Amino acid sequence: MRKVIAAINMSLDGFCDHDLLLPDEVVHDHYTALLKSGGVILYGSTTFRLMKYWQEILEKPSAEPSMNSFAQAIDQIPKLVFSHKLQDTGWATATLAQQTLEATVTDLKQQSGKDILVGSRSLILQLMQLNLVDEYQICVHPLLVGGGLPLFEHKNDRKVFQLVNTKTFSGGAIILYYKMREQAS
């Protein structure tokens, strides 16, 4: 059975706005390796539109090799986009989901293959509610942004996580690897 990995970047003050965080070379390298290890990545329409930035890097490479490698990895992994507004993805390796998030992820988990990555805050929250996330990889960056999208906005029920691993980067970012702790009824 395939594992669902929710991977996201976050500031020290709990916000996950892609435009406010500044991943460095080692963080890009980490996410490049993660993308290469995945079989598909799921996006909501907002995050998918932000990720299209990497198509520009493919056409006009950056001076930073880690960004170019990340752009190639994001281009190559199949992307499944959940959107009611988009009619076309404009990306050869991206398709629009035809089923609900729950049905799609349940089906994907039953198939053989590489892990299922989730890179959108909204999808992470929905999949958390459905108890379909197997692993959370939260990369906390050493900065305060003062506002934006809080990662766990509107979560009113108690969720207990178990820390299973950490990875510290030279620039000060740290990835916290969690799984949901089983709760007694």
N, C-alpha and C. Protein backbone atom coordinates (compact mmCIF):
# COMPACT_ATOMS: atom_id res chain seq x y z
N MET A 1 0.85 -1.18 0.00
CA MET A 1 0.00 0.00 0.00
C MET A 1 0.89 1.24 0.00
N ARG A 2 0.50 2.22 -0.81
CA ARG A 2 1.26 3.46 -0.91
C ARG A 2 0.99 4.34 0.31
N LYS A 3 2.00 5.11 0.65
CA LYS A 3 1.91 6.02 1.79
C LYS A 3 1.60 7.43 1.29
N VAL A 4 0.77 8.17 2.03
CA VAL A 4 0.47 9.57 1.74
C VAL A 4 1.37 10.43 2.63
N ILE A 5 2.20 11.25 2.00
CA ILE A 5 3.12 12.13 2.72
C ILE A 5 2.70 13.57 2.48
N ALA A 6 2.33 14.26 3.55
CA ALA A 6 1.99 15.68 3.49
C ALA A 6 3.26 16.47 3.80
N ALA A 7 3.78 17.18 2.82
CA ALA A 7 5.03 17.92 2.99
C ALA A 7 4.77 19.40 2.74
N ILE A 8 5.19 20.22 3.71
CA ILE A 8 4.92 21.65 3.58
C ILE A 8 5.97 22.46 4.34
N ASN A 9 6.20 23.67 3.88
CA ASN A 9 7.11 24.62 4.54
C ASN A 9 6.30 25.55 5.42
N MET A 10 6.92 25.96 6.53
CA MET A 10 6.22 26.81 7.49
C MET A 10 7.23 27.72 8.19
N SER A 11 6.80 28.91 8.54
CA SER A 11 7.63 29.83 9.32
C SER A 11 7.55 29.46 10.80
N LEU A 12 8.44 30.02 11.60
CA LEU A 12 8.41 29.77 13.05
C LEU A 12 7.09 30.19 13.69
N ASP A 13 6.44 31.21 13.11
CA ASP A 13 5.17 31.65 13.68
C ASP A 13 3.96 30.95 13.05
N GLY A 14 4.21 29.84 12.33
CA GLY A 14 3.13 28.96 11.92
C GLY A 14 2.45 29.25 10.60
N PHE A 15 3.06 30.06 9.75
CA PHE A 15 2.44 30.40 8.48
C PHE A 15 3.13 29.66 7.32
N CYS A 16 2.35 29.32 6.32
CA CYS A 16 2.90 28.51 5.21
C CYS A 16 2.71 29.17 3.86
N ASP A 17 2.89 30.43 3.79
CA ASP A 17 2.76 31.19 2.54
C ASP A 17 4.02 30.99 1.69
N HIS A 18 3.86 30.41 0.49
CA HIS A 18 5.00 30.12 -0.39
C HIS A 18 5.78 31.38 -0.78
N ASP A 19 5.12 32.50 -0.84
CA ASP A 19 5.78 33.73 -1.27
C ASP A 19 6.64 34.36 -0.17
N LEU A 20 6.44 33.97 1.08
CA LEU A 20 7.16 34.61 2.19
C LEU A 20 8.36 33.82 2.69
N LEU A 21 8.41 32.54 2.35
CA LEU A 21 9.51 31.69 2.82
C LEU A 21 10.62 31.67 1.78
N LEU A 22 11.85 31.52 2.25
CA LEU A 22 13.00 31.56 1.36
C LEU A 22 13.84 30.29 1.50
N PRO A 23 13.44 29.19 0.87
CA PRO A 23 14.22 27.97 0.99
C PRO A 23 15.61 28.16 0.35
N ASP A 24 16.63 27.61 1.01
CA ASP A 24 17.98 27.72 0.47
C ASP A 24 18.31 26.47 -0.36
N GLU A 25 19.55 26.38 -0.77
CA GLU A 25 20.00 25.30 -1.65
C GLU A 25 19.76 23.92 -1.04
N VAL A 26 20.08 23.74 0.23
CA VAL A 26 19.93 22.41 0.83
C VAL A 26 18.46 22.02 0.99
N VAL A 27 17.60 22.99 1.24
CA VAL A 27 16.17 22.70 1.32
C VAL A 27 15.64 22.33 -0.07
N HIS A 28 16.05 23.07 -1.09
CA HIS A 28 15.66 22.71 -2.46
C HIS A 28 16.13 21.29 -2.80
N ASP A 29 17.37 20.97 -2.41
CA ASP A 29 17.90 19.63 -2.69
C ASP A 29 17.07 18.55 -1.99
N HIS A 30 16.66 18.83 -0.76
CA HIS A 30 15.83 17.88 -0.03
C HIS A 30 14.51 17.63 -0.77
N TYR A 31 13.85 18.71 -1.17
CA TYR A 31 12.56 18.57 -1.85
C TYR A 31 12.72 17.97 -3.25
N THR A 32 13.85 18.19 -3.89
CA THR A 32 14.11 17.54 -5.17
C THR A 32 14.15 16.02 -4.98
N ALA A 33 14.87 15.59 -3.94
CA ALA A 33 14.94 14.14 -3.65
C ALA A 33 13.57 13.58 -3.29
N LEU A 34 12.79 14.34 -2.52
CA LEU A 34 11.45 13.88 -2.15
C LEU A 34 10.58 13.72 -3.39
N LEU A 35 10.62 14.69 -4.30
CA LEU A 35 9.84 14.60 -5.54
C LEU A 35 10.25 13.40 -6.37
N LYS A 36 11.55 13.13 -6.43
CA LYS A 36 12.03 11.99 -7.20
C LYS A 36 11.61 10.66 -6.58
N SER A 37 11.36 10.65 -5.27
CA SER A 37 10.95 9.42 -4.60
C SER A 37 9.43 9.20 -4.66
N GLY A 38 8.69 10.20 -5.10
CA GLY A 38 7.24 10.11 -5.14
C GLY A 38 6.73 9.62 -6.48
N GLY A 39 5.50 9.10 -6.44
CA GLY A 39 4.87 8.63 -7.67
C GLY A 39 3.91 9.64 -8.25
N VAL A 40 3.39 10.52 -7.40
CA VAL A 40 2.44 11.55 -7.82
C VAL A 40 2.41 12.61 -6.72
N ILE A 41 2.11 13.84 -7.10
CA ILE A 41 1.91 14.90 -6.11
C ILE A 41 0.54 15.52 -6.34
N LEU A 42 -0.16 15.76 -5.25
CA LEU A 42 -1.50 16.33 -5.30
C LEU A 42 -1.45 17.80 -4.94
N TYR A 43 -2.17 18.60 -5.74
CA TYR A 43 -2.23 20.03 -5.50
C TYR A 43 -3.67 20.52 -5.56
N GLY A 44 -3.96 21.56 -4.79
CA GLY A 44 -5.16 22.34 -4.98
C GLY A 44 -4.84 23.39 -6.04
N SER A 45 -5.85 24.11 -6.49
CA SER A 45 -5.63 25.05 -7.60
C SER A 45 -4.70 26.20 -7.23
N THR A 46 -4.78 26.72 -6.01
CA THR A 46 -3.94 27.86 -5.63
C THR A 46 -2.47 27.47 -5.61
N THR A 47 -2.13 26.39 -4.94
CA THR A 47 -0.73 25.97 -4.88
C THR A 47 -0.24 25.54 -6.26
N PHE A 48 -1.10 24.90 -7.03
CA PHE A 48 -0.71 24.50 -8.38
C PHE A 48 -0.32 25.73 -9.21
N ARG A 49 -1.09 26.79 -9.12
CA ARG A 49 -0.75 28.01 -9.87
C ARG A 49 0.61 28.56 -9.42
N LEU A 50 0.90 28.48 -8.13
CA LEU A 50 2.20 28.94 -7.63
C LEU A 50 3.33 28.06 -8.15
N MET A 51 3.10 26.75 -8.26
CA MET A 51 4.13 25.83 -8.72
C MET A 51 4.45 25.99 -10.20
N LYS A 52 3.56 26.60 -10.95
CA LYS A 52 3.81 26.83 -12.37
C LYS A 52 5.01 27.77 -12.58
N TYR A 53 5.40 28.46 -11.51
CA TYR A 53 6.62 29.28 -11.55
C TYR A 53 7.81 28.46 -12.05
N TRP A 54 7.83 27.17 -11.67
CA TRP A 54 8.97 26.32 -12.00
C TRP A 54 9.04 26.01 -13.50
N GLN A 55 7.95 26.16 -14.21
CA GLN A 55 7.99 26.02 -15.67
C GLN A 55 8.86 27.13 -16.27
N GLU A 56 8.79 28.31 -15.67
CA GLU A 56 9.61 29.43 -16.14
C GLU A 56 11.10 29.15 -15.94
N ILE A 57 11.44 28.51 -14.82
CA ILE A 57 12.84 28.17 -14.52
C ILE A 57 13.34 27.14 -15.55
N LEU A 58 12.47 26.22 -15.97
CA LEU A 58 12.86 25.25 -16.99
C LEU A 58 13.20 25.96 -18.31
N GLU A 59 12.40 26.96 -18.64
CA GLU A 59 12.61 27.69 -19.90
C GLU A 59 13.79 28.65 -19.81
N LYS A 60 13.96 29.24 -18.64
CA LYS A 60 15.04 30.22 -18.43
C LYS A 60 15.73 29.85 -17.12
N PRO A 61 16.72 28.93 -17.17
CA PRO A 61 17.35 28.42 -15.95
C PRO A 61 17.93 29.51 -15.05
N SER A 62 17.90 29.20 -13.78
CA SER A 62 18.42 30.08 -12.73
C SER A 62 19.94 29.95 -12.65
N ALA A 63 20.58 30.88 -11.98
CA ALA A 63 22.01 30.78 -11.70
C ALA A 63 22.26 29.79 -10.56
N GLU A 64 21.18 29.40 -9.88
CA GLU A 64 21.27 28.48 -8.74
C GLU A 64 20.95 27.05 -9.20
N PRO A 65 21.96 26.16 -9.25
CA PRO A 65 21.73 24.79 -9.73
C PRO A 65 20.64 24.03 -8.97
N SER A 66 20.52 24.27 -7.67
CA SER A 66 19.51 23.53 -6.88
C SER A 66 18.09 23.90 -7.32
N MET A 67 17.90 25.15 -7.73
CA MET A 67 16.58 25.56 -8.23
C MET A 67 16.28 24.89 -9.57
N ASN A 68 17.29 24.76 -10.41
CA ASN A 68 17.10 24.12 -11.70
C ASN A 68 16.77 22.63 -11.53
N SER A 69 17.45 21.98 -10.61
CA SER A 69 17.17 20.56 -10.33
C SER A 69 15.77 20.38 -9.78
N PHE A 70 15.35 21.29 -8.90
CA PHE A 70 14.01 21.22 -8.36
C PHE A 70 12.98 21.42 -9.49
N ALA A 71 13.24 22.36 -10.36
CA ALA A 71 12.32 22.62 -11.47
C ALA A 71 12.17 21.37 -12.35
N GLN A 72 13.27 20.67 -12.60
CA GLN A 72 13.20 19.45 -13.39
C GLN A 72 12.40 18.37 -12.66
N ALA A 73 12.62 18.24 -11.35
CA ALA A 73 11.90 17.22 -10.58
C ALA A 73 10.40 17.52 -10.52
N ILE A 74 10.05 18.78 -10.32
CA ILE A 74 8.63 19.15 -10.25
C ILE A 74 7.98 18.98 -11.63
N ASP A 75 8.75 19.19 -12.67
CA ASP A 75 8.21 19.00 -14.02
C ASP A 75 7.95 17.52 -14.31
N GLN A 76 8.81 16.67 -13.84
CA GLN A 76 8.74 15.25 -14.19
C GLN A 76 7.70 14.46 -13.39
N ILE A 77 7.48 14.80 -12.14
CA ILE A 77 6.53 14.02 -11.34
C ILE A 77 5.10 14.27 -11.83
N PRO A 78 4.31 13.21 -11.93
CA PRO A 78 2.90 13.43 -12.28
C PRO A 78 2.20 14.26 -11.21
N LYS A 79 1.40 15.21 -11.66
CA LYS A 79 0.68 16.10 -10.76
C LYS A 79 -0.81 15.89 -10.96
N LEU A 80 -1.54 15.78 -9.86
CA LEU A 80 -2.99 15.65 -9.91
C LEU A 80 -3.57 16.87 -9.22
N VAL A 81 -4.35 17.65 -9.95
CA VAL A 81 -4.83 18.94 -9.46
C VAL A 81 -6.33 18.86 -9.16
N PHE A 82 -6.68 19.30 -7.95
CA PHE A 82 -8.08 19.34 -7.52
C PHE A 82 -8.56 20.77 -7.65
N SER A 83 -9.42 21.01 -8.62
CA SER A 83 -9.90 22.36 -8.88
C SER A 83 -11.27 22.30 -9.52
N HIS A 84 -12.15 23.20 -9.10
CA HIS A 84 -13.45 23.34 -9.75
C HIS A 84 -13.41 24.43 -10.81
N LYS A 85 -12.32 25.21 -10.82
CA LYS A 85 -12.24 26.36 -11.72
C LYS A 85 -11.40 26.08 -12.97
N LEU A 86 -10.30 25.36 -12.81
CA LEU A 86 -9.41 25.12 -13.94
C LEU A 86 -10.06 24.21 -14.98
N GLN A 87 -9.87 24.54 -16.23
CA GLN A 87 -10.35 23.71 -17.33
C GLN A 87 -9.19 22.92 -17.95
N ASP A 88 -7.99 23.46 -17.82
CA ASP A 88 -6.80 22.85 -18.40
C ASP A 88 -5.63 23.20 -17.49
N THR A 89 -4.70 22.28 -17.34
CA THR A 89 -3.56 22.54 -16.44
C THR A 89 -2.44 23.30 -17.13
N GLY A 90 -2.32 23.18 -18.44
CA GLY A 90 -1.23 23.84 -19.14
C GLY A 90 0.13 23.23 -18.82
N TRP A 91 0.13 21.98 -18.38
CA TRP A 91 1.37 21.31 -18.00
C TRP A 91 1.22 19.85 -18.41
N ALA A 92 2.12 19.36 -19.21
CA ALA A 92 2.00 18.01 -19.77
C ALA A 92 1.92 16.93 -18.70
N THR A 93 2.54 17.15 -17.56
CA THR A 93 2.56 16.12 -16.51
C THR A 93 1.52 16.38 -15.42
N ALA A 94 0.57 17.25 -15.69
CA ALA A 94 -0.48 17.55 -14.71
C ALA A 94 -1.85 17.26 -15.31
N THR A 95 -2.70 16.64 -14.50
CA THR A 95 -4.07 16.37 -14.93
C THR A 95 -5.03 16.83 -13.84
N LEU A 96 -6.24 17.09 -14.25
CA LEU A 96 -7.28 17.48 -13.31
C LEU A 96 -7.92 16.22 -12.74
N ALA A 97 -8.13 16.22 -11.43
CA ALA A 97 -8.77 15.09 -10.76
C ALA A 97 -10.20 14.96 -11.23
N GLN A 98 -10.65 13.75 -11.41
CA GLN A 98 -12.01 13.48 -11.88
C GLN A 98 -12.93 13.00 -10.76
N GLN A 99 -12.36 12.60 -9.63
CA GLN A 99 -13.14 12.11 -8.50
C GLN A 99 -12.92 13.05 -7.31
N THR A 100 -13.62 12.78 -6.24
CA THR A 100 -13.41 13.55 -5.01
C THR A 100 -12.01 13.27 -4.48
N LEU A 101 -11.55 14.13 -3.61
CA LEU A 101 -10.25 13.94 -2.97
C LEU A 101 -10.21 12.60 -2.23
N GLU A 102 -11.24 12.33 -1.46
CA GLU A 102 -11.27 11.09 -0.67
C GLU A 102 -11.23 9.86 -1.58
N ALA A 103 -12.05 9.82 -2.61
CA ALA A 103 -12.08 8.67 -3.51
C ALA A 103 -10.75 8.51 -4.24
N THR A 104 -10.20 9.61 -4.70
CA THR A 104 -8.93 9.57 -5.44
C THR A 104 -7.81 9.03 -4.57
N VAL A 105 -7.67 9.58 -3.36
CA VAL A 105 -6.57 9.17 -2.48
C VAL A 105 -6.77 7.73 -2.01
N THR A 106 -7.98 7.36 -1.70
CA THR A 106 -8.25 5.97 -1.30
C THR A 106 -7.86 5.01 -2.42
N ASP A 107 -8.22 5.34 -3.65
CA ASP A 107 -7.84 4.52 -4.80
C ASP A 107 -6.32 4.47 -4.99
N LEU A 108 -5.68 5.63 -4.92
CA LEU A 108 -4.22 5.69 -5.11
C LEU A 108 -3.48 4.88 -4.05
N LYS A 109 -3.96 4.94 -2.81
CA LYS A 109 -3.30 4.21 -1.72
C LYS A 109 -3.34 2.70 -1.96
N GLN A 110 -4.37 2.21 -2.62
CA GLN A 110 -4.52 0.77 -2.86
C GLN A 110 -3.63 0.28 -4.01
N GLN A 111 -3.16 1.19 -4.84
CA GLN A 111 -2.33 0.81 -5.97
C GLN A 111 -0.89 0.60 -5.52
N SER A 112 -0.16 -0.17 -6.31
CA SER A 112 1.27 -0.30 -6.04
C SER A 112 1.98 0.90 -6.64
N GLY A 113 3.16 1.17 -6.15
CA GLY A 113 3.92 2.28 -6.69
C GLY A 113 4.55 3.12 -5.61
N LYS A 114 5.12 4.22 -6.03
CA LYS A 114 5.80 5.13 -5.12
C LYS A 114 4.79 5.94 -4.31
N ASP A 115 5.29 6.59 -3.27
CA ASP A 115 4.44 7.35 -2.35
C ASP A 115 3.67 8.46 -3.04
N ILE A 116 2.58 8.86 -2.38
CA ILE A 116 1.70 9.94 -2.82
C ILE A 116 2.08 11.17 -2.02
N LEU A 117 2.50 12.22 -2.68
CA LEU A 117 2.90 13.46 -2.01
C LEU A 117 1.75 14.45 -2.06
N VAL A 118 1.62 15.24 -1.01
CA VAL A 118 0.61 16.29 -0.95
C VAL A 118 1.33 17.58 -0.63
N GLY A 119 1.17 18.58 -1.51
CA GLY A 119 1.90 19.82 -1.34
C GLY A 119 1.04 21.05 -1.13
N SER A 120 -0.25 20.87 -0.94
CA SER A 120 -1.15 22.02 -0.75
C SER A 120 -1.72 22.02 0.66
N ARG A 121 -1.68 23.17 1.26
CA ARG A 121 -2.22 23.33 2.61
C ARG A 121 -3.67 22.88 2.68
N SER A 122 -4.48 23.31 1.75
CA SER A 122 -5.91 22.97 1.79
C SER A 122 -6.13 21.47 1.69
N LEU A 123 -5.37 20.81 0.83
CA LEU A 123 -5.52 19.35 0.71
C LEU A 123 -5.01 18.63 1.94
N ILE A 124 -3.93 19.14 2.54
CA ILE A 124 -3.42 18.54 3.78
C ILE A 124 -4.49 18.59 4.86
N LEU A 125 -5.14 19.73 5.00
CA LEU A 125 -6.20 19.87 6.02
C LEU A 125 -7.37 18.93 5.75
N GLN A 126 -7.77 18.82 4.49
CA GLN A 126 -8.88 17.92 4.14
C GLN A 126 -8.51 16.46 4.37
N LEU A 127 -7.30 16.08 3.96
CA LEU A 127 -6.87 14.70 4.14
C LEU A 127 -6.66 14.36 5.61
N MET A 128 -6.24 15.35 6.39
CA MET A 128 -6.11 15.14 7.83
C MET A 128 -7.47 14.80 8.43
N GLN A 129 -8.47 15.56 8.02
CA GLN A 129 -9.83 15.34 8.52
C GLN A 129 -10.34 13.94 8.12
N LEU A 130 -9.91 13.46 6.98
CA LEU A 130 -10.32 12.15 6.48
C LEU A 130 -9.44 11.01 7.01
N ASN A 131 -8.43 11.36 7.81
CA ASN A 131 -7.48 10.38 8.36
C ASN A 131 -6.76 9.60 7.25
N LEU A 132 -6.38 10.29 6.19
CA LEU A 132 -5.71 9.64 5.07
C LEU A 132 -4.23 10.00 4.95
N VAL A 133 -3.69 10.80 5.87
CA VAL A 133 -2.27 11.16 5.83
C VAL A 133 -1.50 10.17 6.70
N ASP A 134 -0.46 9.58 6.11
CA ASP A 134 0.38 8.64 6.84
C ASP A 134 1.57 9.31 7.51
N GLU A 135 2.07 10.37 6.89
CA GLU A 135 3.26 11.04 7.41
C GLU A 135 3.17 12.53 7.10
N TYR A 136 3.53 13.33 8.07
CA TYR A 136 3.61 14.78 7.91
C TYR A 136 5.08 15.16 7.93
N GLN A 137 5.51 15.93 6.96
CA GLN A 137 6.87 16.47 6.93
C GLN A 137 6.74 17.99 6.94
N ILE A 138 6.93 18.57 8.10
CA ILE A 138 6.77 20.02 8.26
C ILE A 138 8.15 20.64 8.37
N CYS A 139 8.51 21.42 7.35
CA CYS A 139 9.81 22.08 7.34
C CYS A 139 9.64 23.47 7.94
N VAL A 140 10.20 23.67 9.12
CA VAL A 140 10.08 24.94 9.83
C VAL A 140 11.31 25.78 9.49
N HIS A 141 11.05 26.96 8.92
CA HIS A 141 12.13 27.87 8.53
C HIS A 141 12.38 28.88 9.65
N PRO A 142 13.64 29.29 9.85
CA PRO A 142 14.00 30.17 10.95
C PRO A 142 13.70 31.64 10.68
N LEU A 143 12.41 31.93 10.50
CA LEU A 143 12.01 33.32 10.32
C LEU A 143 10.57 33.49 10.76
N LEU A 144 10.26 34.72 11.12
CA LEU A 144 8.89 35.10 11.44
C LEU A 144 8.38 35.92 10.27
N VAL A 145 7.17 35.62 9.82
CA VAL A 145 6.63 36.36 8.68
C VAL A 145 5.50 37.30 9.09
N GLY A 146 4.96 37.10 10.29
CA GLY A 146 3.97 38.04 10.83
C GLY A 146 2.57 37.91 10.29
N GLY A 147 2.32 36.99 9.40
CA GLY A 147 0.97 36.81 8.87
C GLY A 147 1.00 35.98 7.61
N GLY A 148 -0.16 35.62 7.16
CA GLY A 148 -0.29 34.77 5.99
C GLY A 148 -1.27 33.65 6.28
N LEU A 149 -1.07 32.53 5.65
CA LEU A 149 -1.95 31.38 5.86
C LEU A 149 -1.41 30.51 6.99
N PRO A 150 -2.15 30.39 8.10
CA PRO A 150 -1.70 29.48 9.15
C PRO A 150 -1.90 28.04 8.70
N LEU A 151 -0.94 27.20 9.00
CA LEU A 151 -1.01 25.82 8.54
C LEU A 151 -2.25 25.10 9.05
N PHE A 152 -2.57 25.22 10.31
CA PHE A 152 -3.67 24.46 10.88
C PHE A 152 -4.86 25.35 11.25
N GLU A 153 -5.22 26.22 10.35
CA GLU A 153 -6.35 27.13 10.54
C GLU A 153 -7.66 26.35 10.68
N HIS A 154 -8.51 26.80 11.59
CA HIS A 154 -9.85 26.24 11.80
C HIS A 154 -9.84 24.78 12.25
N LYS A 155 -8.79 24.34 12.91
CA LYS A 155 -8.77 22.99 13.45
C LYS A 155 -9.29 23.07 14.88
N ASN A 156 -10.49 22.54 15.09
CA ASN A 156 -11.13 22.63 16.40
C ASN A 156 -11.08 21.33 17.19
N ASP A 157 -10.73 20.23 16.52
CA ASP A 157 -10.65 18.98 17.24
C ASP A 157 -9.20 18.67 17.58
N ARG A 158 -9.01 17.96 18.63
CA ARG A 158 -7.66 17.65 19.12
C ARG A 158 -7.02 16.58 18.24
N LYS A 159 -5.80 16.85 17.82
CA LYS A 159 -4.98 15.90 17.06
C LYS A 159 -3.65 15.79 17.77
N VAL A 160 -3.23 14.57 18.04
CA VAL A 160 -1.97 14.35 18.73
C VAL A 160 -1.01 13.68 17.75
N PHE A 161 0.15 14.27 17.58
CA PHE A 161 1.15 13.76 16.65
C PHE A 161 2.28 13.09 17.42
N GLN A 162 2.93 12.16 16.74
CA GLN A 162 4.11 11.51 17.30
C GLN A 162 5.29 11.85 16.42
N LEU A 163 6.31 12.47 17.02
CA LEU A 163 7.52 12.81 16.28
C LEU A 163 8.29 11.52 16.00
N VAL A 164 8.58 11.25 14.72
CA VAL A 164 9.28 10.01 14.37
C VAL A 164 10.68 10.26 13.82
N ASN A 165 10.97 11.51 13.45
CA ASN A 165 12.29 11.82 12.93
C ASN A 165 12.43 13.34 12.81
N THR A 166 13.67 13.79 12.68
CA THR A 166 13.95 15.19 12.38
C THR A 166 15.11 15.24 11.39
N LYS A 167 15.19 16.34 10.68
CA LYS A 167 16.31 16.58 9.79
C LYS A 167 16.62 18.07 9.87
N THR A 168 17.85 18.40 10.24
CA THR A 168 18.26 19.79 10.40
C THR A 168 19.15 20.19 9.23
N PHE A 169 18.88 21.36 8.67
CA PHE A 169 19.65 21.87 7.55
C PHE A 169 20.63 22.93 8.03
N SER A 170 21.71 23.10 7.28
CA SER A 170 22.77 24.05 7.67
C SER A 170 22.27 25.48 7.78
N GLY A 171 21.24 25.85 7.03
CA GLY A 171 20.71 27.21 7.07
C GLY A 171 19.76 27.46 8.24
N GLY A 172 19.50 26.44 9.06
CA GLY A 172 18.65 26.61 10.23
C GLY A 172 17.25 26.04 10.11
N ALA A 173 16.84 25.65 8.92
CA ALA A 173 15.53 25.01 8.78
C ALA A 173 15.60 23.60 9.35
N ILE A 174 14.48 23.11 9.81
CA ILE A 174 14.41 21.77 10.35
C ILE A 174 13.11 21.11 9.89
N ILE A 175 13.21 19.87 9.47
CA ILE A 175 12.01 19.13 9.09
C ILE A 175 11.62 18.25 10.27
N LEU A 176 10.37 18.37 10.66
CA LEU A 176 9.78 17.56 11.70
C LEU A 176 8.92 16.51 11.02
N TYR A 177 9.25 15.25 11.23
CA TYR A 177 8.50 14.13 10.63
C TYR A 177 7.54 13.61 11.70
N TYR A 178 6.27 13.65 11.39
CA TYR A 178 5.25 13.21 12.34
C TYR A 178 4.34 12.16 11.72
N LYS A 179 3.78 11.35 12.58
CA LYS A 179 2.62 10.55 12.20
C LYS A 179 1.57 10.82 13.27
N MET A 180 0.33 10.52 12.93
CA MET A 180 -0.76 10.75 13.89
C MET A 180 -0.69 9.68 14.96
N ARG A 181 -0.75 10.11 16.20
CA ARG A 181 -0.72 9.17 17.31
C ARG A 181 -2.11 8.56 17.46
N GLU A 182 -2.12 7.26 17.68
CA GLU A 182 -3.40 6.58 17.93
C GLU A 182 -3.98 7.07 19.24
N GLN A 183 -5.25 7.38 19.25
CA GLN A 183 -5.89 7.91 20.45
C GLN A 183 -6.83 6.88 21.03
N ALA A 184 -6.82 6.76 22.34
CA ALA A 184 -7.75 5.85 23.02
C ALA A 184 -9.16 6.42 22.93
N SER A 185 -10.12 5.56 22.74
CA SER A 185 -11.51 6.00 22.61
C SER A 185 -12.12 6.27 23.95
